[in-house]
N, C-alpha and C. Protein backbone atom coordinates (compact mmCIF):
# COMPACT_ATOMS: atom_id res chain seq x y z
N VAL A 1 18.38 -58.27 -16.84
CA VAL A 1 19.84 -58.05 -16.71
C VAL A 1 20.49 -58.48 -18.06
N MET A 2 21.33 -57.94 -18.69
CA MET A 2 22.12 -58.18 -19.79
C MET A 2 21.23 -58.70 -20.95
N GLY A 3 19.97 -58.21 -20.93
CA GLY A 3 18.99 -58.41 -22.07
C GLY A 3 18.53 -59.76 -22.11
N GLY A 4 18.56 -60.56 -21.11
CA GLY A 4 18.06 -61.92 -21.10
C GLY A 4 16.48 -61.86 -21.17
N ARG A 5 15.92 -63.06 -21.54
CA ARG A 5 14.41 -63.19 -21.72
C ARG A 5 13.77 -63.92 -20.73
N SER A 6 14.46 -64.48 -19.76
CA SER A 6 13.77 -65.37 -18.64
C SER A 6 12.88 -64.46 -17.93
N LYS A 7 11.66 -65.24 -17.47
CA LYS A 7 10.72 -64.62 -16.69
C LYS A 7 10.50 -65.35 -15.35
N GLY A 8 10.45 -64.78 -14.20
CA GLY A 8 10.21 -65.44 -13.01
C GLY A 8 10.14 -64.56 -11.89
N GLY A 9 9.67 -65.13 -10.81
CA GLY A 9 9.68 -64.16 -9.64
C GLY A 9 9.03 -64.96 -8.43
N PRO A 10 8.83 -64.32 -7.22
CA PRO A 10 8.21 -64.82 -6.10
C PRO A 10 6.76 -64.57 -5.87
N GLU A 11 6.04 -65.29 -5.31
CA GLU A 11 4.65 -65.16 -4.90
C GLU A 11 4.40 -65.96 -3.57
N VAL A 12 3.77 -65.36 -2.68
CA VAL A 12 3.33 -65.99 -1.45
C VAL A 12 1.87 -66.37 -1.60
N LYS A 13 1.68 -67.69 -1.59
CA LYS A 13 0.25 -68.42 -1.79
C LYS A 13 0.22 -69.51 -0.61
N GLU A 14 -0.83 -69.54 -0.01
CA GLU A 14 -1.24 -70.66 0.88
C GLU A 14 -0.04 -70.92 1.98
N GLY A 15 0.64 -69.93 2.20
CA GLY A 15 1.71 -69.88 3.31
C GLY A 15 3.06 -70.31 2.80
N PHE A 16 3.19 -70.52 1.49
CA PHE A 16 4.47 -70.97 0.88
C PHE A 16 4.97 -69.89 0.03
N LEU A 17 6.28 -69.71 -0.17
CA LEU A 17 6.94 -68.93 -1.10
C LEU A 17 6.99 -69.82 -2.50
N HIS A 18 6.39 -69.25 -3.58
CA HIS A 18 6.47 -69.90 -4.78
C HIS A 18 7.52 -69.19 -5.59
N PHE A 19 8.54 -69.74 -6.13
CA PHE A 19 9.51 -69.11 -7.22
C PHE A 19 9.20 -69.97 -8.41
N SER A 20 8.71 -69.23 -9.35
CA SER A 20 8.43 -69.95 -10.75
C SER A 20 8.47 -68.96 -11.82
N GLY A 21 8.59 -69.63 -13.04
CA GLY A 21 8.74 -68.79 -14.16
C GLY A 21 9.12 -69.71 -15.50
N THR A 22 9.77 -68.92 -16.56
CA THR A 22 10.27 -69.63 -17.67
C THR A 22 11.69 -69.18 -17.73
N LEU A 23 12.63 -70.15 -17.93
CA LEU A 23 14.05 -69.82 -18.02
C LEU A 23 14.23 -69.81 -19.58
N SER A 24 14.86 -68.88 -20.14
CA SER A 24 15.27 -68.72 -21.54
C SER A 24 16.73 -68.43 -21.67
N LEU A 25 17.22 -69.16 -22.69
CA LEU A 25 18.73 -68.94 -22.95
C LEU A 25 18.89 -67.82 -24.11
N GLU A 26 17.78 -67.23 -24.56
CA GLU A 26 17.93 -66.33 -25.73
C GLU A 26 18.65 -64.95 -25.25
N ASN A 27 19.33 -64.40 -26.17
CA ASN A 27 19.91 -63.06 -25.96
C ASN A 27 20.92 -63.09 -24.71
N ASN A 28 21.69 -64.23 -24.61
CA ASN A 28 22.65 -64.34 -23.51
C ASN A 28 22.01 -64.34 -22.14
N GLY A 29 20.76 -64.89 -22.06
CA GLY A 29 20.06 -64.97 -20.73
C GLY A 29 20.41 -66.41 -20.10
N GLY A 30 19.50 -66.75 -19.21
CA GLY A 30 19.74 -68.19 -18.78
C GLY A 30 19.70 -68.18 -17.27
N PHE A 31 19.07 -67.11 -16.45
CA PHE A 31 18.90 -67.33 -15.06
C PHE A 31 17.72 -66.54 -14.60
N SER A 32 17.08 -66.97 -13.54
CA SER A 32 16.17 -66.18 -12.78
C SER A 32 16.38 -66.30 -11.30
N SER A 33 16.20 -65.27 -10.44
CA SER A 33 16.63 -65.30 -9.18
C SER A 33 15.60 -64.44 -8.37
N ILE A 34 15.68 -64.73 -7.05
CA ILE A 34 14.88 -64.00 -6.02
C ILE A 34 15.98 -63.85 -4.70
N ARG A 35 15.68 -62.77 -4.07
CA ARG A 35 16.41 -62.61 -2.78
C ARG A 35 15.67 -61.82 -1.82
N THR A 36 16.15 -61.85 -0.59
CA THR A 36 15.65 -61.00 0.45
C THR A 36 16.04 -59.52 0.32
N ARG A 37 15.29 -58.73 0.96
CA ARG A 37 15.54 -57.15 0.98
C ARG A 37 15.69 -56.86 2.39
N ASP A 38 16.55 -55.81 2.59
CA ASP A 38 16.59 -55.34 4.16
C ASP A 38 16.92 -56.39 5.02
N PHE A 39 17.70 -57.44 4.85
CA PHE A 39 17.96 -58.46 5.72
C PHE A 39 19.35 -58.13 6.39
N SER A 40 19.46 -58.44 7.63
CA SER A 40 20.75 -58.09 8.39
C SER A 40 20.82 -59.03 9.49
N GLY A 41 21.88 -59.99 9.31
CA GLY A 41 21.99 -61.14 10.34
C GLY A 41 23.32 -61.57 10.61
N ASP A 42 23.54 -62.04 11.77
CA ASP A 42 24.81 -62.58 12.02
C ASP A 42 24.54 -64.17 12.18
N LEU A 43 25.04 -64.89 11.23
CA LEU A 43 24.99 -66.49 11.30
C LEU A 43 26.19 -67.13 11.59
N SER A 44 27.06 -66.43 12.32
CA SER A 44 28.23 -66.99 12.62
C SER A 44 28.22 -68.20 13.55
N ASP A 45 27.27 -68.34 14.30
CA ASP A 45 27.02 -69.40 15.25
C ASP A 45 26.38 -70.55 14.48
N SER A 46 26.22 -70.54 13.24
CA SER A 46 25.52 -71.65 12.40
C SER A 46 26.52 -72.34 11.43
N GLU A 47 26.24 -73.56 11.11
CA GLU A 47 27.00 -74.27 10.13
C GLU A 47 26.54 -74.16 8.75
N GLY A 48 25.17 -73.73 8.67
CA GLY A 48 24.70 -73.58 7.34
C GLY A 48 23.16 -73.28 7.37
N LEU A 49 22.52 -73.44 6.18
CA LEU A 49 21.10 -73.14 6.05
C LEU A 49 20.49 -74.56 5.59
N VAL A 50 19.20 -74.74 6.03
CA VAL A 50 18.42 -75.75 5.65
C VAL A 50 17.05 -75.24 5.18
N LEU A 51 16.67 -75.84 3.90
CA LEU A 51 15.37 -75.37 3.37
C LEU A 51 14.53 -76.53 3.23
N ARG A 52 13.30 -76.25 3.42
CA ARG A 52 12.17 -77.33 3.02
C ARG A 52 11.55 -76.90 1.84
N VAL A 53 11.74 -77.67 0.69
CA VAL A 53 11.24 -77.21 -0.74
C VAL A 53 10.44 -78.46 -1.23
N LEU A 54 9.61 -77.93 -2.08
CA LEU A 54 8.86 -78.97 -3.05
C LEU A 54 9.37 -78.67 -4.42
N GLY A 55 10.21 -79.58 -4.84
CA GLY A 55 10.99 -79.35 -6.16
C GLY A 55 10.35 -79.79 -7.48
N ASP A 56 11.12 -79.36 -8.55
CA ASP A 56 10.58 -79.78 -9.85
C ASP A 56 11.68 -80.57 -10.58
N GLY A 57 12.75 -81.03 -9.72
CA GLY A 57 13.80 -81.86 -10.30
C GLY A 57 14.92 -81.20 -10.70
N ARG A 58 14.90 -79.86 -10.74
CA ARG A 58 15.97 -79.04 -11.31
C ARG A 58 16.96 -78.76 -10.21
N THR A 59 18.14 -78.24 -10.63
CA THR A 59 19.16 -77.80 -9.52
C THR A 59 19.21 -76.40 -9.39
N TYR A 60 19.01 -75.94 -8.20
CA TYR A 60 19.03 -74.47 -7.95
C TYR A 60 20.36 -74.02 -7.10
N GLN A 61 20.44 -72.83 -6.82
CA GLN A 61 21.59 -72.28 -6.24
C GLN A 61 21.09 -71.45 -5.01
N LEU A 62 21.67 -71.83 -3.86
CA LEU A 62 21.39 -71.09 -2.61
C LEU A 62 22.51 -69.89 -2.57
N ARG A 63 22.18 -68.61 -2.30
CA ARG A 63 23.06 -67.53 -2.36
C ARG A 63 22.99 -66.80 -1.06
N VAL A 64 24.07 -66.36 -0.64
CA VAL A 64 24.28 -65.53 0.66
C VAL A 64 25.10 -64.29 0.30
N SER A 65 24.72 -63.17 0.54
CA SER A 65 25.68 -61.97 0.31
C SER A 65 25.86 -61.26 1.75
N THR A 66 26.92 -60.65 1.62
CA THR A 66 27.48 -59.79 2.79
C THR A 66 27.78 -58.31 2.27
N ASP A 67 28.54 -57.63 2.99
CA ASP A 67 28.92 -56.28 2.39
C ASP A 67 30.09 -56.41 1.51
N ALA A 68 30.57 -57.59 1.09
CA ALA A 68 31.67 -57.80 0.27
C ALA A 68 31.39 -57.43 -1.07
N THR A 69 32.38 -56.69 -1.78
CA THR A 69 32.04 -56.29 -3.17
C THR A 69 33.21 -56.65 -4.13
N TYR A 70 32.76 -56.67 -5.40
CA TYR A 70 33.84 -56.77 -6.47
C TYR A 70 33.20 -55.81 -7.55
N ARG A 71 34.08 -54.99 -7.99
CA ARG A 71 33.70 -53.91 -9.07
C ARG A 71 32.47 -53.30 -8.56
N ARG A 72 32.37 -52.83 -7.21
CA ARG A 72 31.35 -51.96 -6.73
C ARG A 72 29.90 -52.83 -6.76
N SER A 73 29.92 -54.08 -6.91
CA SER A 73 28.71 -54.75 -6.85
C SER A 73 28.91 -55.88 -5.74
N ARG A 74 27.79 -56.48 -5.16
CA ARG A 74 27.86 -57.46 -4.17
C ARG A 74 28.34 -58.84 -4.68
N ILE A 75 29.16 -59.37 -4.01
CA ILE A 75 29.62 -60.70 -4.14
C ILE A 75 28.56 -61.55 -3.51
N ALA A 76 28.23 -62.74 -4.34
CA ALA A 76 27.33 -63.79 -3.89
C ALA A 76 28.03 -65.02 -3.57
N TYR A 77 27.91 -65.63 -2.47
CA TYR A 77 28.54 -66.80 -1.88
C TYR A 77 27.40 -67.85 -2.36
N ARG A 78 27.74 -68.91 -2.93
CA ARG A 78 26.67 -69.87 -3.60
C ARG A 78 27.18 -71.28 -3.51
N ALA A 79 25.94 -72.06 -3.39
CA ALA A 79 26.22 -73.57 -3.55
C ALA A 79 24.85 -74.06 -4.10
N ASP A 80 25.10 -75.12 -4.90
CA ASP A 80 23.91 -75.65 -5.66
C ASP A 80 23.36 -76.62 -4.72
N PHE A 81 21.80 -76.86 -4.95
CA PHE A 81 21.11 -77.84 -4.33
C PHE A 81 20.16 -78.60 -5.28
N GLU A 82 20.01 -79.82 -5.05
CA GLU A 82 19.11 -80.71 -6.01
C GLU A 82 17.79 -80.57 -5.41
N THR A 83 16.74 -80.74 -6.34
CA THR A 83 15.44 -80.90 -5.82
C THR A 83 14.97 -82.27 -6.61
N LYS A 84 13.78 -82.80 -5.98
CA LYS A 84 13.30 -84.12 -6.52
C LYS A 84 11.86 -83.67 -6.90
N LYS A 85 11.58 -83.95 -8.23
CA LYS A 85 10.23 -83.60 -8.71
C LYS A 85 9.04 -84.02 -7.87
N GLY A 86 8.24 -83.10 -7.53
CA GLY A 86 7.12 -83.44 -6.86
C GLY A 86 7.17 -83.89 -5.52
N GLU A 87 8.36 -83.83 -4.80
CA GLU A 87 8.57 -84.22 -3.45
C GLU A 87 9.04 -83.18 -2.63
N TRP A 88 8.44 -83.19 -1.26
CA TRP A 88 9.03 -82.23 -0.33
C TRP A 88 10.45 -82.81 0.25
N THR A 89 11.32 -82.13 0.13
CA THR A 89 12.59 -82.52 0.84
C THR A 89 13.25 -81.32 1.68
N GLU A 90 14.07 -81.86 2.57
CA GLU A 90 14.93 -80.74 3.43
C GLU A 90 16.27 -80.82 2.86
N VAL A 91 16.74 -79.74 2.34
CA VAL A 91 18.03 -79.49 1.80
C VAL A 91 18.95 -78.73 2.78
N LYS A 92 20.12 -79.50 3.23
CA LYS A 92 21.09 -78.80 3.94
C LYS A 92 22.29 -78.09 3.11
N VAL A 93 22.58 -76.94 3.35
CA VAL A 93 23.58 -76.22 2.59
C VAL A 93 24.72 -75.72 3.60
N PRO A 94 25.74 -76.40 3.81
CA PRO A 94 26.69 -75.83 4.75
C PRO A 94 27.44 -74.65 4.14
N PHE A 95 27.75 -73.59 5.00
CA PHE A 95 28.37 -72.63 4.43
C PHE A 95 29.82 -72.85 3.99
N SER A 96 30.39 -73.90 4.54
CA SER A 96 31.73 -74.29 3.95
C SER A 96 31.75 -74.63 2.68
N SER A 97 30.47 -74.92 2.09
CA SER A 97 30.42 -75.33 0.54
C SER A 97 30.25 -74.14 -0.30
N MET A 98 29.90 -72.96 0.26
CA MET A 98 29.68 -71.80 -0.54
C MET A 98 30.82 -71.10 -1.00
N LYS A 99 30.81 -70.77 -2.32
CA LYS A 99 32.00 -70.25 -2.98
C LYS A 99 31.60 -68.82 -3.48
N PRO A 100 32.48 -67.83 -3.36
CA PRO A 100 32.21 -66.47 -3.79
C PRO A 100 32.29 -66.48 -5.47
N GLY A 101 31.27 -65.60 -5.94
CA GLY A 101 31.22 -65.25 -7.33
C GLY A 101 30.57 -63.98 -7.56
N TRP A 102 30.69 -63.53 -8.76
CA TRP A 102 30.26 -62.21 -9.12
C TRP A 102 29.70 -62.30 -10.61
N ARG A 103 28.46 -62.20 -10.93
CA ARG A 103 27.74 -62.19 -12.19
C ARG A 103 28.21 -63.47 -12.94
N GLY A 104 28.23 -64.53 -12.32
CA GLY A 104 28.48 -65.97 -13.00
C GLY A 104 30.05 -66.35 -12.95
N MET A 105 30.98 -65.30 -12.60
CA MET A 105 32.28 -65.52 -12.52
C MET A 105 32.75 -66.10 -11.05
N LYS A 106 33.52 -66.98 -11.11
CA LYS A 106 34.14 -67.59 -9.91
C LYS A 106 35.26 -66.61 -9.39
N LEU A 107 35.15 -66.26 -8.16
CA LEU A 107 36.18 -65.46 -7.43
C LEU A 107 37.00 -66.31 -6.41
N LYS A 108 38.25 -65.84 -6.17
CA LYS A 108 39.16 -66.59 -5.22
C LYS A 108 38.93 -66.22 -3.82
N GLY A 109 38.17 -65.12 -3.58
CA GLY A 109 37.87 -64.51 -2.18
C GLY A 109 37.06 -63.24 -2.38
N PRO A 110 36.68 -62.60 -1.34
CA PRO A 110 37.19 -62.91 0.11
C PRO A 110 36.36 -64.14 0.79
N GLU A 111 36.74 -64.53 1.93
CA GLU A 111 36.04 -65.46 2.58
C GLU A 111 34.65 -64.95 3.06
N LEU A 112 33.71 -65.75 3.24
CA LEU A 112 32.30 -65.54 3.77
C LEU A 112 32.40 -65.00 5.09
N ASP A 113 31.94 -63.77 5.38
CA ASP A 113 31.85 -63.20 6.69
C ASP A 113 30.41 -63.44 7.20
N LEU A 114 30.19 -64.48 7.96
CA LEU A 114 28.85 -64.69 8.46
C LEU A 114 28.25 -63.76 9.48
N THR A 115 29.12 -62.85 10.01
CA THR A 115 28.69 -61.83 10.89
C THR A 115 27.94 -60.67 10.32
N LYS A 116 28.07 -60.58 8.82
CA LYS A 116 27.50 -59.47 8.13
C LYS A 116 26.66 -59.88 6.97
N VAL A 117 25.85 -60.93 7.20
CA VAL A 117 24.91 -61.36 6.03
C VAL A 117 23.80 -60.32 5.84
N THR A 118 23.55 -59.95 4.49
CA THR A 118 22.62 -58.89 4.12
C THR A 118 21.62 -59.44 3.20
N GLU A 119 21.85 -60.50 2.64
CA GLU A 119 20.84 -61.13 1.62
C GLU A 119 21.00 -62.65 1.67
N ILE A 120 19.78 -63.20 1.46
CA ILE A 120 19.75 -64.69 1.10
C ILE A 120 18.83 -64.90 -0.09
N GLY A 121 19.24 -65.71 -0.98
CA GLY A 121 18.46 -65.81 -2.27
C GLY A 121 18.55 -67.18 -2.94
N ILE A 122 17.80 -67.37 -4.00
CA ILE A 122 17.80 -68.39 -4.76
C ILE A 122 17.90 -68.10 -6.14
N LEU A 123 18.67 -68.95 -6.82
CA LEU A 123 18.91 -68.73 -8.32
C LEU A 123 18.71 -69.95 -9.09
N LEU A 124 18.02 -69.78 -10.19
CA LEU A 124 18.09 -70.94 -11.15
C LEU A 124 18.90 -70.59 -12.49
N GLY A 125 19.88 -71.33 -12.69
CA GLY A 125 20.63 -71.00 -13.99
C GLY A 125 21.21 -72.24 -14.48
N ASP A 126 20.46 -73.33 -14.61
CA ASP A 126 21.05 -74.71 -14.92
C ASP A 126 21.04 -74.96 -16.43
N LYS A 127 20.97 -73.82 -17.18
CA LYS A 127 21.08 -73.87 -18.64
C LYS A 127 20.07 -74.88 -19.38
N LYS A 128 18.98 -75.00 -18.81
CA LYS A 128 17.90 -75.82 -19.36
C LYS A 128 16.54 -74.86 -19.55
N PRO A 129 16.36 -74.51 -20.73
CA PRO A 129 15.19 -73.67 -21.00
C PRO A 129 13.84 -74.39 -20.55
N GLY A 130 12.92 -73.54 -20.18
CA GLY A 130 11.54 -74.16 -19.93
C GLY A 130 10.99 -73.55 -18.58
N GLU A 131 9.85 -74.23 -18.31
CA GLU A 131 9.13 -73.70 -17.07
C GLU A 131 9.92 -74.35 -15.83
N PHE A 132 9.71 -73.59 -14.78
CA PHE A 132 10.35 -74.00 -13.41
C PHE A 132 9.42 -73.68 -12.36
N ALA A 133 9.43 -74.43 -11.36
CA ALA A 133 8.65 -74.16 -10.09
C ALA A 133 9.26 -74.77 -8.82
N LEU A 134 9.58 -73.99 -7.93
CA LEU A 134 10.10 -74.21 -6.54
C LEU A 134 9.24 -73.72 -5.48
N LYS A 135 8.76 -74.50 -4.61
CA LYS A 135 7.79 -73.98 -3.43
C LYS A 135 8.75 -74.18 -2.26
N VAL A 136 8.86 -73.13 -1.39
CA VAL A 136 9.59 -72.93 -0.38
C VAL A 136 8.74 -72.89 1.02
N ASP A 137 8.94 -73.88 1.80
CA ASP A 137 8.13 -73.87 3.09
C ASP A 137 8.79 -73.01 4.23
N TRP A 138 10.08 -73.21 4.35
CA TRP A 138 10.99 -72.47 5.33
C TRP A 138 12.46 -72.43 4.99
N VAL A 139 13.04 -71.66 5.50
CA VAL A 139 14.58 -71.56 5.53
C VAL A 139 15.03 -71.31 6.94
N LYS A 140 15.87 -72.13 7.53
CA LYS A 140 16.38 -71.96 8.87
C LYS A 140 17.92 -72.14 8.85
N SER A 141 18.54 -71.65 9.80
CA SER A 141 19.91 -71.76 9.96
C SER A 141 20.10 -73.19 10.93
N TYR A 142 21.22 -73.78 10.80
CA TYR A 142 21.39 -75.05 11.64
C TYR A 142 22.91 -74.97 12.17
């Protein structure tokens, strides 16, 4: 996207999702992301999502999308979460903390419609070049 040089992606090993790669700031880059495909869910009876992750000490972003668009592309509702290097942690992300955005730009709306969730994803864009690695055991609504 946009000519960036970051490399990363998902792999399932030993029952865990591994999201890893190298973040590069070259050529206006600076992020790597993964997301679900063909997801359709109503999360309106939930307060948020909780993830069990083995972190690398970096700050990641949890992202949720619906059918809402801006300039004919999906809006991502996002919130940051911290990880602890080498430690398994459970990270709670309330939907109330998620703000709409599009390609790095903050938007004022629309509000997140939890009856129409189409994607859940994780993005790293902390502007710190170098290797990253996040292991995900599970993601649940709460």
